[in-house]
């Protein structure tokens, strides 16, 4: 079992992308989550006017090992207190209300991203990053903010990390990479053409590829050896950049960094002390 929550979040994100019979089952579960966790595949198929085979196909489409994993995740969701839906701002709204809405949306984004995290995929990602010769982070637009943040963090612990906003620079760098190198593609939609092409190039060079996208099969994740997913938060109509998706991506980068730091704790502390000393040395000169 990779994680004990996130079933309802994943169903909500995937429901409109499922084939008709699987969509009927997903919609039934979303309407009746408490009942659904008690049903067998045969009973769930009967309740949704489909079949047990369609239930099994649904679990596969969602990326789960089977119905048991889906039910355990939903049961974990049901133990949590209900949260409000994402809320957009209104014309001439009070500043206090805006503060509360932005804060509530951010908390929900972080929680959903954590609930969707696959621990086995995270373990594989940490193993690859720990033993890598180099790490290239790539995203365009708002996703490049997460890539730059990752570069800064991983450089501080002595990882050979790079980030690029220019796809040509990224491609020429990836062209000379191979086994032992890692390329991390960041795209909320998972269908950003430049990121997908770079991941395709990286795969052809036999580098290890890691994707950070919203849940499901996408152009970017399809070229990934290791798939990490962010909350499928619905973006507000009025926003400053890709607000929720950016926060979710930064959250995943922080999880990667902190987990790697824990695995390599002694080395991490040494490298962070060295970087702090270096900054103090520079500041003292002025």
C-alpha atoms as a PDB file:
ATOM      1  CA  UNK A   1       0.000   0.000   0.000  1.00  0.00           C
ATOM      2  CA  UNK A   2       1.442   3.295  -1.115  1.00  0.00           C
ATOM      3  CA  UNK A   3      -0.801   5.666   0.870  1.00  0.00           C
ATOM      4  CA  UNK A   4      -3.999   5.535   2.889  1.00  0.00           C
ATOM      5  CA  UNK A   5      -5.903   8.570   1.571  1.00  0.00           C
ATOM      6  CA  UNK A   6      -6.605  10.435  -1.657  1.00  0.00           C
ATOM      7  CA  UNK A   7      -9.142   8.106  -3.259  1.00  0.00           C
ATOM      8  CA  UNK A   8     -11.933  10.672  -3.513  1.00  0.00           C
ATOM      9  CA  UNK A   9      -9.555  13.400  -4.717  1.00  0.00           C
ATOM     10  CA  UNK A  10      -8.269  11.147  -7.501  1.00  0.00           C
ATOM     11  CA  UNK A  11     -11.788  10.064  -8.487  1.00  0.00           C
ATOM     12  CA  UNK A  12     -12.934  13.704  -8.741  1.00  0.00           C
ATOM     13  CA  UNK A  13      -9.950  14.540 -10.942  1.00  0.00           C
ATOM     14  CA  UNK A  14     -10.303  11.518 -13.234  1.00  0.00           C
ATOM     15  CA  UNK A  15     -14.086  11.089 -13.492  1.00  0.00           C
ATOM     16  CA  UNK A  16     -14.560  13.131 -16.675  1.00  0.00           C
ATOM     17  CA  UNK A  17     -11.644  11.400 -18.407  1.00  0.00           C
ATOM     18  CA  UNK A  18     -12.893   7.847 -17.867  1.00  0.00           C
ATOM     19  CA  UNK A  19     -14.707   5.580 -20.362  1.00  0.00           C
ATOM     20  CA  UNK A  20     -18.527   5.566 -19.915  1.00  0.00           C
ATOM     21  CA  UNK A  21     -18.852   2.400 -17.798  1.00  0.00           C
ATOM     22  CA  UNK A  22     -15.967   3.348 -15.521  1.00  0.00           C
ATOM     23  CA  UNK A  23     -17.347   6.889 -15.203  1.00  0.00           C
ATOM     24  CA  UNK A  24     -20.677   5.483 -13.985  1.00  0.00           C
ATOM     25  CA  UNK A  25     -18.886   3.573 -11.227  1.00  0.00           C
ATOM     26  CA  UNK A  26     -16.784   6.603 -10.260  1.00  0.00           C
ATOM     27  CA  UNK A  27     -19.889   8.797 -10.085  1.00  0.00           C
ATOM     28  CA  UNK A  28     -21.669   6.218  -7.938  1.00  0.00           C
ATOM     29  CA  UNK A  29     -18.724   6.039  -5.516  1.00  0.00           C
ATOM     30  CA  UNK A  30     -18.530   9.838  -5.283  1.00  0.00           C
ATOM     31  CA  UNK A  31     -22.245   9.990  -4.455  1.00  0.00           C
ATOM     32  CA  UNK A  32     -22.071   7.075  -2.006  1.00  0.00           C
ATOM     33  CA  UNK A  33     -18.536   6.821  -0.587  1.00  0.00           C
ATOM     34  CA  UNK A  34     -19.536   5.373   2.810  1.00  0.00           C
ATOM     35  CA  UNK A  35     -21.531   2.564   1.206  1.00  0.00           C
ATOM     36  CA  UNK A  36     -18.975   1.891  -1.550  1.00  0.00           C
ATOM     37  CA  UNK A  37     -16.145   0.963   0.839  1.00  0.00           C
ATOM     38  CA  UNK A  38     -18.289  -1.957   2.049  1.00  0.00           C
ATOM     39  CA  UNK A  39     -19.069  -3.386  -1.395  1.00  0.00           C
ATOM     40  CA  UNK A  40     -17.358  -6.122  -3.378  1.00  0.00           C
ATOM     41  CA  UNK A  41     -16.500  -5.606  -7.053  1.00  0.00           C
ATOM     42  CA  UNK A  42     -19.612  -7.608  -8.022  1.00  0.00           C
ATOM     43  CA  UNK A  43     -21.888  -5.582  -5.736  1.00  0.00           C
ATOM     44  CA  UNK A  44     -20.382  -2.272  -6.865  1.00  0.00           C
ATOM     45  CA  UNK A  45     -20.912  -3.271 -10.488  1.00  0.00           C
ATOM     46  CA  UNK A  46     -24.565  -4.114  -9.773  1.00  0.00           C
ATOM     47  CA  UNK A  47     -25.173  -0.877  -7.831  1.00  0.00           C
ATOM     48  CA  UNK A  48     -23.729   1.220 -10.691  1.00  0.00           C
ATOM     49  CA  UNK A  49     -25.466  -0.807 -13.433  1.00  0.00           C
ATOM     50  CA  UNK A  50     -22.121  -1.926 -14.865  1.00  0.00           C
ATOM     51  CA  UNK A  51     -20.073  -5.036 -14.072  1.00  0.00           C
ATOM     52  CA  UNK A  52     -17.335  -6.325 -11.781  1.00  0.00           C
ATOM     53  CA  UNK A  53     -14.959  -6.304 -14.771  1.00  0.00           C
ATOM     54  CA  UNK A  54     -15.622  -2.576 -15.235  1.00  0.00           C
ATOM     55  CA  UNK A  55     -14.830  -2.026 -11.540  1.00  0.00           C
ATOM     56  CA  UNK A  56     -11.458  -3.735 -11.983  1.00  0.00           C
ATOM     57  CA  UNK A  57     -10.784  -1.659 -15.114  1.00  0.00           C
ATOM     58  CA  UNK A  58     -11.609   1.505 -13.160  1.00  0.00           C
ATOM     59  CA  UNK A  59      -9.050   0.633 -10.478  1.00  0.00           C
ATOM     60  CA  UNK A  60      -6.444   0.076 -13.176  1.00  0.00           C
ATOM     61  CA  UNK A  61      -7.300   3.388 -14.864  1.00  0.00           C
ATOM     62  CA  UNK A  62      -6.821   5.150 -11.539  1.00  0.00           C
ATOM     63  CA  UNK A  63      -3.404   3.557 -11.098  1.00  0.00           C
ATOM     64  CA  UNK A  64      -4.408   1.385  -8.131  1.00  0.00           C
ATOM     65  CA  UNK A  65      -3.390  -2.219  -7.496  1.00  0.00           C
ATOM     66  CA  UNK A  66      -7.033  -3.219  -7.122  1.00  0.00           C
ATOM     67  CA  UNK A  67     -10.384  -2.454  -5.506  1.00  0.00           C
ATOM     68  CA  UNK A  68      -8.970  -2.993  -2.020  1.00  0.00           C
ATOM     69  CA  UNK A  69      -6.501  -0.107  -2.427  1.00  0.00           C
ATOM     70  CA  UNK A  70      -9.252   2.184  -3.736  1.00  0.00           C
ATOM     71  CA  UNK A  71     -11.518   1.333  -0.781  1.00  0.00           C
ATOM     72  CA  UNK A  72      -8.732   1.824   1.779  1.00  0.00           C
ATOM     73  CA  UNK A  73      -7.910   5.234   0.306  1.00  0.00           C
ATOM     74  CA  UNK A  74     -11.571   6.271   0.357  1.00  0.00           C
ATOM     75  CA  UNK A  75     -11.942   5.028   3.934  1.00  0.00           C
ATOM     76  CA  UNK A  76      -8.972   7.197   4.877  1.00  0.00           C
ATOM     77  CA  UNK A  77     -10.633  10.185   3.213  1.00  0.00           C
ATOM     78  CA  UNK A  78     -13.853   9.588   5.137  1.00  0.00           C
ATOM     79  CA  UNK A  79     -12.009   9.803   8.457  1.00  0.00           C
ATOM     80  CA  UNK A  80     -11.044  13.386   7.660  1.00  0.00           C
ATOM     81  CA  UNK A  81     -13.277  16.363   8.326  1.00  0.00           C
ATOM     82  CA  UNK A  82     -15.038  17.682   5.247  1.00  0.00           C
ATOM     83  CA  UNK A  83     -13.375  20.660   3.600  1.00  0.00           C
ATOM     84  CA  UNK A  84     -14.880  23.438   1.537  1.00  0.00           C
ATOM     85  CA  UNK A  85     -14.548  23.513  -2.237  1.00  0.00           C
ATOM     86  CA  UNK A  86     -12.043  25.888  -3.803  1.00  0.00           C
ATOM     87  CA  UNK A  87     -13.443  29.394  -3.641  1.00  0.00           C
ATOM     88  CA  UNK A  88     -12.926  32.272  -6.049  1.00  0.00           C
ATOM     89  CA  UNK A  89     -12.955  35.943  -5.091  1.00  0.00           C
ATOM     90  CA  UNK A  90     -15.961  38.190  -5.732  1.00  0.00           C
ATOM     91  CA  UNK A  91     -16.083  41.786  -7.038  1.00  0.00           C
ATOM     92  CA  UNK A  92     -15.259  44.335  -4.315  1.00  0.00           C
ATOM     93  CA  UNK A  93     -14.983  41.589  -1.717  1.00  0.00           C
ATOM     94  CA  UNK A  94     -13.744  42.358   1.788  1.00  0.00           C
ATOM     95  CA  UNK A  95     -10.023  41.928   2.310  1.00  0.00           C
ATOM     96  CA  UNK A  96     -10.564  39.615   5.284  1.00  0.00           C
ATOM     97  CA  UNK A  97     -12.666  37.297   3.140  1.00  0.00           C
ATOM     98  CA  UNK A  98      -9.985  37.240   0.449  1.00  0.00           C
ATOM     99  CA  UNK A  99      -7.333  36.380   3.026  1.00  0.00           C
ATOM    100  CA  UNK A 100      -9.474  33.503   4.317  1.00  0.00           C
ATOM    101  CA  UNK A 101     -10.250  32.179   0.822  1.00  0.00           C
ATOM    102  CA  UNK A 102      -6.635  32.245  -0.362  1.00  0.00           C
ATOM    103  CA  UNK A 103      -5.483  30.587   2.861  1.00  0.00           C
ATOM    104  CA  UNK A 104      -8.208  27.925   2.702  1.00  0.00           C
ATOM    105  CA  UNK A 105      -7.414  27.138  -0.946  1.00  0.00           C
ATOM    106  CA  UNK A 106      -3.702  26.839  -0.159  1.00  0.00           C
ATOM    107  CA  UNK A 107      -4.290  24.480   2.771  1.00  0.00           C
ATOM    108  CA  UNK A 108      -6.567  22.293   0.653  1.00  0.00           C
ATOM    109  CA  UNK A 109      -4.000  22.185  -2.166  1.00  0.00           C
ATOM    110  CA  UNK A 110      -1.241  21.060   0.195  1.00  0.00           C
ATOM    111  CA  UNK A 111      -3.440  18.435   1.859  1.00  0.00           C
ATOM    112  CA  UNK A 112      -4.654  16.942  -1.413  1.00  0.00           C
ATOM    113  CA  UNK A 113      -1.117  16.792  -2.809  1.00  0.00           C
ATOM    114  CA  UNK A 114       0.050  14.959   0.323  1.00  0.00           C
ATOM    115  CA  UNK A 115      -2.902  12.548   0.153  1.00  0.00           C
ATOM    116  CA  UNK A 116      -2.083  11.691  -3.468  1.00  0.00           C
ATOM    117  CA  UNK A 117       1.601  11.017  -2.834  1.00  0.00           C
ATOM    118  CA  UNK A 118       2.630   7.474  -3.752  1.00  0.00           C
ATOM    119  CA  UNK A 119       5.251   6.388  -1.229  1.00  0.00           C
ATOM    120  CA  UNK A 120       6.783   3.738  -3.487  1.00  0.00           C
ATOM    121  CA  UNK A 121       7.213   6.289  -6.275  1.00  0.00           C
ATOM    122  CA  UNK A 122       8.718   8.735  -3.772  1.00  0.00           C
ATOM    123  CA  UNK A 123      11.196   6.087  -2.607  1.00  0.00           C
ATOM    124  CA  UNK A 124      12.263   5.432  -6.197  1.00  0.00           C
ATOM    125  CA  UNK A 125      12.659   9.158  -6.845  1.00  0.00           C
ATOM    126  CA  UNK A 126      14.829   9.628  -3.753  1.00  0.00           C
ATOM    127  CA  UNK A 127      17.004   6.671  -4.714  1.00  0.00           C
ATOM    128  CA  UNK A 128      17.520   8.094  -8.206  1.00  0.00           C
ATOM    129  CA  UNK A 129      18.268  11.612  -6.942  1.00  0.00           C
ATOM    130  CA  UNK A 130      20.637  10.336  -4.251  1.00  0.00           C
ATOM    131  CA  UNK A 131      22.836   8.413  -6.696  1.00  0.00           C
ATOM    132  CA  UNK A 132      22.582  10.780  -9.676  1.00  0.00           C
ATOM    133  CA  UNK A 133      25.528  12.305 -11.486  1.00  0.00           C
ATOM    134  CA  UNK A 134      23.408  15.337 -12.349  1.00  0.00           C
ATOM    135  CA  UNK A 135      19.814  16.511 -12.032  1.00  0.00           C
ATOM    136  CA  UNK A 136      18.032  18.700 -14.585  1.00  0.00           C
ATOM    137  CA  UNK A 137      14.760  20.367 -13.573  1.00  0.00           C
ATOM    138  CA  UNK A 138      12.653  21.738 -16.425  1.00  0.00           C
ATOM    139  CA  UNK A 139       9.362  23.592 -16.575  1.00  0.00           C
ATOM    140  CA  UNK A 140       7.991  26.486 -18.605  1.00  0.00           C
ATOM    141  CA  UNK A 141       5.879  29.419 -17.469  1.00  0.00           C
ATOM    142  CA  UNK A 142       4.842  29.176 -13.828  1.00  0.00           C
ATOM    143  CA  UNK A 143       6.268  25.651 -13.619  1.00  0.00           C
ATOM    144  CA  UNK A 144       9.738  27.110 -14.123  1.00  0.00           C
ATOM    145  CA  UNK A 145       9.380  28.751 -10.698  1.00  0.00           C
ATOM    146  CA  UNK A 146       9.292  25.264  -9.148  1.00  0.00           C
ATOM    147  CA  UNK A 147      12.258  24.201 -11.298  1.00  0.00           C
ATOM    148  CA  UNK A 148      14.341  27.189 -10.144  1.00  0.00           C
ATOM    149  CA  UNK A 149      13.375  26.549  -6.524  1.00  0.00           C
ATOM    150  CA  UNK A 150      14.500  22.921  -6.872  1.00  0.00           C
ATOM    151  CA  UNK A 151      17.815  23.958  -8.421  1.00  0.00           C
ATOM    152  CA  UNK A 152      18.553  26.328  -5.525  1.00  0.00           C
ATOM    153  CA  UNK A 153      17.655  23.745  -2.879  1.00  0.00           C
ATOM    154  CA  UNK A 154      19.576  20.835  -4.380  1.00  0.00           C
ATOM    155  CA  UNK A 155      22.661  22.936  -5.098  1.00  0.00           C
ATOM    156  CA  UNK A 156      22.829  23.768  -1.394  1.00  0.00           C
ATOM    157  CA  UNK A 157      23.293  20.083  -0.546  1.00  0.00           C
ATOM    158  CA  UNK A 158      25.982  19.633  -3.185  1.00  0.00           C
ATOM    159  CA  UNK A 159      23.873  18.037  -5.893  1.00  0.00           C
ATOM    160  CA  UNK A 160      24.865  18.789  -9.474  1.00  0.00           C
ATOM    161  CA  UNK A 161      21.538  20.470 -10.237  1.00  0.00           C
ATOM    162  CA  UNK A 162      20.432  22.693 -13.126  1.00  0.00           C
ATOM    163  CA  UNK A 163      17.188  24.321 -14.209  1.00  0.00           C
ATOM    164  CA  UNK A 164      16.305  25.836 -17.556  1.00  0.00           C
ATOM    165  CA  UNK A 165      13.501  27.997 -18.884  1.00  0.00           C
ATOM    166  CA  UNK A 166      14.918  27.906 -22.422  1.00  0.00           C
ATOM    167  CA  UNK A 167      14.036  24.607 -24.090  1.00  0.00           C
ATOM    168  CA  UNK A 168      17.015  24.816 -26.465  1.00  0.00           C
ATOM    169  CA  UNK A 169      19.459  25.131 -23.575  1.00  0.00           C
ATOM    170  CA  UNK A 170      17.727  22.292 -21.786  1.00  0.00           C
ATOM    171  CA  UNK A 171      17.789  20.075 -24.887  1.00  0.00           C
ATOM    172  CA  UNK A 172      21.489  20.641 -25.587  1.00  0.00           C
ATOM    173  CA  UNK A 173      22.283  19.767 -21.970  1.00  0.00           C
ATOM    174  CA  UNK A 174      20.107  16.640 -21.968  1.00  0.00           C
ATOM    175  CA  UNK A 175      21.691  15.558 -25.259  1.00  0.00           C
ATOM    176  CA  UNK A 176      24.943  14.830 -23.421  1.00  0.00           C
ATOM    177  CA  UNK A 177      23.340  13.004 -20.488  1.00  0.00           C
ATOM    178  CA  UNK A 178      22.780   9.295 -20.012  1.00  0.00           C
ATOM    179  CA  UNK A 179      22.542   6.563 -17.414  1.00  0.00           C
ATOM    180  CA  UNK A 180      23.159   7.942 -13.941  1.00  0.00           C
ATOM    181  CA  UNK A 181      21.615  11.326 -14.769  1.00  0.00           C
ATOM    182  CA  UNK A 182      18.093  12.441 -13.830  1.00  0.00           C
ATOM    183  CA  UNK A 183      15.676  14.739 -15.672  1.00  0.00           C
ATOM    184  CA  UNK A 184      12.661  16.092 -13.775  1.00  0.00           C
ATOM    185  CA  UNK A 185       9.846  17.432 -15.966  1.00  0.00           C
ATOM    186  CA  UNK A 186       7.363  19.772 -14.276  1.00  0.00           C
ATOM    187  CA  UNK A 187       3.990  20.562 -15.866  1.00  0.00           C
ATOM    188  CA  UNK A 188       0.660  20.971 -14.075  1.00  0.00           C
ATOM    189  CA  UNK A 189      -1.399  19.844 -17.061  1.00  0.00           C
ATOM    190  CA  UNK A 190       1.128  17.182 -17.986  1.00  0.00           C
ATOM    191  CA  UNK A 191       0.668  18.147 -21.619  1.00  0.00           C
ATOM    192  CA  UNK A 192       3.089  21.071 -22.000  1.00  0.00           C
ATOM    193  CA  UNK A 193       4.645  20.284 -25.378  1.00  0.00           C
ATOM    194  CA  UNK A 194       8.152  21.524 -24.579  1.00  0.00           C
ATOM    195  CA  UNK A 195       8.335  19.489 -21.365  1.00  0.00           C
ATOM    196  CA  UNK A 196       6.996  16.358 -23.057  1.00  0.00           C
ATOM    197  CA  UNK A 197       9.546  16.605 -25.889  1.00  0.00           C
ATOM    198  CA  UNK A 198      12.391  17.116 -23.432  1.00  0.00           C
ATOM    199  CA  UNK A 199      11.282  14.042 -21.473  1.00  0.00           C
ATOM    200  CA  UNK A 200      11.118  12.057 -24.711  1.00  0.00           C
ATOM    201  CA  UNK A 201      14.681  13.145 -25.518  1.00  0.00           C
ATOM    202  CA  UNK A 202      15.834  12.230 -22.008  1.00  0.00           C
ATOM    203  CA  UNK A 203      14.293   8.754 -22.327  1.00  0.00           C
ATOM    204  CA  UNK A 204      16.119   8.226 -25.610  1.00  0.00           C
ATOM    205  CA  UNK A 205      19.385   8.998 -23.781  1.00  0.00           C
ATOM    206  CA  UNK A 206      18.507   6.417 -21.104  1.00  0.00           C
ATOM    207  CA  UNK A 207      18.437   8.959 -18.297  1.00  0.00           C
ATOM    208  CA  UNK A 208      16.079   8.433 -15.375  1.00  0.00           C
ATOM    209  CA  UNK A 209      12.989  10.584 -15.868  1.00  0.00           C
ATOM    210  CA  UNK A 210      10.733  11.907 -13.101  1.00  0.00           C
ATOM    211  CA  UNK A 211       7.494  13.787 -13.796  1.00  0.00           C
ATOM    212  CA  UNK A 212       5.557  16.169 -11.547  1.00  0.00           C
ATOM    213  CA  UNK A 213       2.090  16.627 -13.049  1.00  0.00           C
ATOM    214  CA  UNK A 214      -1.588  16.491 -12.147  1.00  0.00           C
ATOM    215  CA  UNK A 215      -2.980  12.985 -11.718  1.00  0.00           C
ATOM    216  CA  UNK A 216      -3.434  10.628 -14.662  1.00  0.00           C
ATOM    217  CA  UNK A 217      -1.784   9.588 -17.895  1.00  0.00           C
ATOM    218  CA  UNK A 218      -0.407  12.605 -19.725  1.00  0.00           C
ATOM    219  CA  UNK A 219       2.145  13.327 -22.450  1.00  0.00           C
ATOM    220  CA  UNK A 220       4.770  14.153 -19.810  1.00  0.00           C
ATOM    221  CA  UNK A 221       4.049  11.296 -17.401  1.00  0.00           C
ATOM    222  CA  UNK A 222       4.021   8.785 -20.256  1.00  0.00           C
ATOM    223  CA  UNK A 223       7.748   9.449 -20.774  1.00  0.00           C
ATOM    224  CA  UNK A 224       8.477   9.133 -17.049  1.00  0.00           C
ATOM    225  CA  UNK A 225      10.110   6.287 -15.178  1.00  0.00           C
ATOM    226  CA  UNK A 226       8.799   7.732 -11.907  1.00  0.00           C
ATOM    227  CA  UNK A 227       5.511   9.625 -11.679  1.00  0.00           C
ATOM    228  CA  UNK A 228       4.755  12.102  -8.905  1.00  0.00           C
ATOM    229  CA  UNK A 229       1.407  13.873  -8.822  1.00  0.00           C
ATOM    230  CA  UNK A 230       0.109  17.177  -7.495  1.00  0.00           C
ATOM    231  CA  UNK A 231      -3.344  18.203  -6.370  1.00  0.00           C
ATOM    232  CA  UNK A 232      -5.809  18.620  -9.188  1.00  0.00           C
ATOM    233  CA  UNK A 233      -6.939  21.892  -7.628  1.00  0.00           C
ATOM    234  CA  UNK A 234      -9.283  23.941  -9.785  1.00  0.00           C
ATOM    235  CA  UNK A 235      -7.639  27.272 -10.465  1.00  0.00           C
ATOM    236  CA  UNK A 236      -9.547  30.396  -9.491  1.00  0.00           C
ATOM    237  CA  UNK A 237     -10.895  32.507 -12.343  1.00  0.00           C
ATOM    238  CA  UNK A 238      -8.989  35.545 -11.095  1.00  0.00           C
ATOM    239  CA  UNK A 239      -5.484  34.697  -9.948  1.00  0.00           C
ATOM    240  CA  UNK A 240      -1.913  35.849  -9.963  1.00  0.00           C
ATOM    241  CA  UNK A 241      -0.279  33.218 -12.132  1.00  0.00           C
ATOM    242  CA  UNK A 242      -1.041  29.517 -11.653  1.00  0.00           C
ATOM    243  CA  UNK A 243      -1.630  29.926  -7.928  1.00  0.00           C
ATOM    244  CA  UNK A 244      -2.782  26.498  -6.726  1.00  0.00           C
ATOM    245  CA  UNK A 245      -0.721  24.484  -9.198  1.00  0.00           C
ATOM    246  CA  UNK A 246       2.434  26.441  -8.345  1.00  0.00           C
ATOM    247  CA  UNK A 247       1.952  25.829  -4.623  1.00  0.00           C
ATOM    248  CA  UNK A 248       1.363  22.110  -5.238  1.00  0.00           C
ATOM    249  CA  UNK A 249       4.535  21.843  -7.329  1.00  0.00           C
ATOM    250  CA  UNK A 250       6.613  23.651  -4.710  1.00  0.00           C
ATOM    251  CA  UNK A 251       5.178  21.306  -2.093  1.00  0.00           C
ATOM    252  CA  UNK A 252       6.365  18.248  -4.037  1.00  0.00           C
ATOM    253  CA  UNK A 253       9.822  19.816  -4.471  1.00  0.00           C
ATOM    254  CA  UNK A 254       9.969  20.430  -0.712  1.00  0.00           C
ATOM    255  CA  UNK A 255       8.963  16.809  -0.037  1.00  0.00           C
ATOM    256  CA  UNK A 256      11.701  15.558  -2.377  1.00  0.00           C
ATOM    257  CA  UNK A 257      14.294  17.835  -0.789  1.00  0.00           C
ATOM    258  CA  UNK A 258      13.388  17.081   2.831  1.00  0.00           C
ATOM    259  CA  UNK A 259      13.137  13.341   2.239  1.00  0.00           C
ATOM    260  CA  UNK A 260      16.522  13.261   0.516  1.00  0.00           C
ATOM    261  CA  UNK A 261      17.969  15.412   3.312  1.00  0.00           C
ATOM    262  CA  UNK A 262      16.719  12.882   5.864  1.00  0.00           C
ATOM    263  CA  UNK A 263      18.174   9.932   3.941  1.00  0.00           C
ATOM    264  CA  UNK A 264      21.539  11.721   3.642  1.00  0.00           C
ATOM    265  CA  UNK A 265      21.267  13.522   6.968  1.00  0.00           C
ATOM    266  CA  UNK A 266      24.935  13.782   7.983  1.00  0.00           C
ATOM    267  CA  UNK A 267      26.066  14.878   4.528  1.00  0.00           C
ATOM    268  CA  UNK A 268      23.154  17.310   4.257  1.00  0.00           C
ATOM    269  CA  UNK A 269      23.977  19.031   7.543  1.00  0.00           C
ATOM    270  CA  UNK A 270      27.626  19.369   6.498  1.00  0.00           C
ATOM    271  CA  UNK A 271      26.737  20.865   3.108  1.00  0.00           C
ATOM    272  CA  UNK A 272      24.173  23.279   4.573  1.00  0.00           C
ATOM    273  CA  UNK A 273      26.712  24.447   7.157  1.00  0.00           C
ATOM    274  CA  UNK A 274      29.230  25.046   4.367  1.00  0.00           C
ATOM    275  CA  UNK A 275      26.743  27.058   2.296  1.00  0.00           C
ATOM    276  CA  UNK A 276      25.723  29.168   5.306  1.00  0.00           C
ATOM    277  CA  UNK A 277      29.377  29.867   6.027  1.00  0.00           C
ATOM    278  CA  UNK A 278      29.921  30.865   2.410  1.00  0.00           C
ATOM    279  CA  UNK A 279      27.034  33.359   2.488  1.00  0.00           C
ATOM    280  CA  UNK A 280      28.298  34.805   5.789  1.00  0.00           C
ATOM    281  CA  UNK A 281      31.739  35.201   4.254  1.00  0.00           C
ATOM    282  CA  UNK A 282      30.284  37.163   1.335  1.00  0.00           C
ATOM    283  CA  UNK A 283      28.143  39.343   3.596  1.00  0.00           C
ATOM    284  CA  UNK A 284      31.082  40.107   5.885  1.00  0.00           C
ATOM    285  CA  UNK A 285      32.947  41.581   2.929  1.00  0.00           C
ATOM    286  CA  UNK A 286      30.357  44.370   2.784  1.00  0.00           C
END
